[in-house]
Amino acid sequence: MDVMIEVPFENQDALEFMIIPETLGHKIKKAFGHLEEIEVGKSDFDAKFLVRGNDEGKIKSLFSKPHIREFLLNQRSLGLQLTPTSLNFYTILYIGSFDHLKVIYDGFSEILNELCLMDSGYENQV
């Protein structure tokens, strides 16, 4: 069962990123120079995820935050994408409890809050 949560988001500075689980295929492509990624600098995170985006400094800053990184590392299979108009979270795994859904909601809220603190979005749009 695929689950997708999409939050409309007015992206103030055109920051975009995509995070997906890193596969063996991704590792082979990187080894041959056919795939570029952003290394966050945290070995557990960098080993698990392929991170791509258009502002390496902001992306490293966001995913270097321990509470954001811990949330993402604790999800078994996920994708996270920031586009010019939304922040999207998706998983192919079943969300089997209210507590699990709350963890996802709280983590998603933390990411949105950090984006606002980085001036990539603002809490109150008029």
Protein backbone atom coordinates (compact mmCIF):
# COMPACT_ATOMS: atom_id res chain seq x y z
CA MET A 1 0.00 0.00 0.00
CA ASP A 2 1.55 3.30 -1.07
CA VAL A 3 1.07 6.24 1.26
CA MET A 4 1.75 9.79 0.15
CA ILE A 5 1.46 12.94 2.20
CA GLU A 6 1.66 16.17 0.25
CA VAL A 7 1.74 19.57 1.91
CA PRO A 8 1.37 22.65 -0.29
CA PHE A 9 4.39 24.81 0.36
CA GLU A 10 5.34 28.18 -1.03
CA ASN A 11 9.01 27.69 -1.70
CA GLN A 12 10.62 31.10 -1.18
CA ASP A 13 14.06 30.44 -2.63
CA ALA A 14 13.56 27.67 -5.22
CA LEU A 15 15.22 25.08 -2.96
CA GLU A 16 14.53 21.59 -4.24
CA PHE A 17 15.64 18.18 -3.04
CA MET A 18 14.82 14.50 -3.28
CA ILE A 19 15.72 11.75 -0.84
CA ILE A 20 15.20 8.07 -1.59
CA PRO A 21 16.69 4.86 -0.22
CA GLU A 22 20.04 4.21 -1.88
CA THR A 23 20.16 0.97 -3.86
CA LEU A 24 23.02 -1.12 -5.15
CA GLY A 25 22.27 0.30 -8.61
CA HIS A 26 22.74 3.84 -7.29
CA LYS A 27 26.08 2.86 -5.73
CA ILE A 28 27.31 1.37 -9.00
CA LYS A 29 26.26 4.47 -10.97
CA LYS A 30 28.06 6.70 -8.44
CA ALA A 31 31.21 4.58 -8.66
CA PHE A 32 31.32 5.12 -12.42
CA GLY A 33 30.54 8.82 -12.15
CA HIS A 34 27.06 8.55 -13.65
CA LEU A 35 25.16 9.77 -10.61
CA GLU A 36 25.84 12.77 -8.43
CA GLU A 37 24.55 13.09 -4.92
CA ILE A 38 24.91 15.33 -1.92
CA GLU A 39 26.75 13.74 0.98
CA VAL A 40 25.40 15.11 4.26
CA GLY A 41 28.52 14.06 6.14
CA LYS A 42 26.83 11.61 8.50
CA SER A 43 27.86 8.07 7.58
CA ASP A 44 24.67 6.32 8.73
CA PHE A 45 22.51 8.74 6.74
CA ASP A 46 24.75 8.86 3.66
CA ALA A 47 24.86 5.05 3.50
CA LYS A 48 21.07 4.71 3.60
CA PHE A 49 19.87 7.55 1.37
CA LEU A 50 20.51 9.05 -2.03
CA VAL A 51 20.19 12.82 -1.69
CA ARG A 52 19.95 15.12 -4.67
CA GLY A 53 19.11 18.79 -4.86
CA ASN A 54 20.00 22.24 -6.04
CA ASP A 55 21.54 23.90 -2.94
CA GLU A 56 24.13 21.67 -1.30
CA GLY A 57 24.71 24.01 1.65
CA LYS A 58 21.07 24.28 2.66
CA ILE A 59 20.42 20.58 2.11
CA LYS A 60 23.43 19.59 4.23
CA SER A 61 22.31 22.00 6.92
CA LEU A 62 18.76 20.62 6.97
CA PHE A 63 19.71 16.95 7.08
CA SER A 64 22.57 17.47 9.52
CA LYS A 65 20.02 18.38 12.20
CA PRO A 66 19.90 15.37 14.54
CA HIS A 67 16.10 15.34 15.00
CA ILE A 68 15.49 15.47 11.22
CA ARG A 69 18.09 12.82 10.48
CA GLU A 70 16.81 10.53 13.24
CA PHE A 71 13.23 10.79 11.97
CA LEU A 72 14.29 9.83 8.44
CA LEU A 73 16.61 7.02 9.58
CA ASN A 74 13.79 5.48 11.62
CA GLN A 75 11.50 5.16 8.60
CA ARG A 76 11.93 1.80 6.90
CA SER A 77 11.22 2.88 3.34
CA LEU A 78 10.54 6.44 2.37
CA GLY A 79 10.91 9.16 -0.15
CA LEU A 80 10.95 12.86 0.58
CA GLN A 81 10.82 15.58 -2.04
CA LEU A 82 10.65 19.36 -1.92
CA THR A 83 9.35 20.92 -5.12
CA PRO A 84 8.59 24.56 -5.91
CA THR A 85 5.00 24.02 -4.70
CA SER A 86 4.97 21.22 -2.13
CA LEU A 87 6.76 18.97 0.33
CA ASN A 88 5.98 15.30 -0.35
CA PHE A 89 6.52 12.26 1.82
CA TYR A 90 5.83 8.80 0.48
CA THR A 91 6.32 5.23 1.58
CA ILE A 92 5.43 1.88 0.13
CA LEU A 93 4.98 0.36 3.57
CA TYR A 94 1.78 0.06 5.51
CA ILE A 95 1.29 2.58 8.31
CA GLY A 96 -0.24 0.21 10.84
CA SER A 97 -0.97 2.39 13.83
CA PHE A 98 -2.00 5.84 14.90
CA ASP A 99 1.31 6.15 16.76
CA HIS A 100 3.29 5.52 13.56
CA LEU A 101 1.18 8.08 11.68
CA LYS A 102 1.80 10.60 14.48
CA VAL A 103 5.57 10.03 14.24
CA ILE A 104 5.40 10.73 10.50
CA TYR A 105 3.27 13.84 11.06
CA ASP A 106 5.62 15.14 13.77
CA GLY A 107 8.71 14.51 11.63
CA PHE A 108 7.11 16.16 8.64
CA SER A 109 6.22 19.17 10.82
CA GLU A 110 9.82 19.42 12.02
CA ILE A 111 11.09 19.46 8.43
CA LEU A 112 8.61 22.20 7.49
CA ASN A 113 9.63 24.20 10.56
CA GLU A 114 13.33 23.92 9.69
CA LEU A 115 12.60 25.03 6.12
CA CYS A 116 10.91 28.12 7.53
CA LEU A 117 13.86 28.79 9.85
CA MET A 118 16.17 28.55 6.81
CA ASP A 119 14.07 31.18 5.00
CA SER A 120 12.98 28.68 2.36
CA GLY A 121 9.36 29.10 3.46
CA TYR A 122 7.32 31.15 5.85
CA GLU A 123 4.76 30.13 8.44
CA ASN A 124 2.13 32.71 7.58
CA GLN A 125 1.45 33.48 3.94
CA VAL A 126 -1.04 36.25 3.17
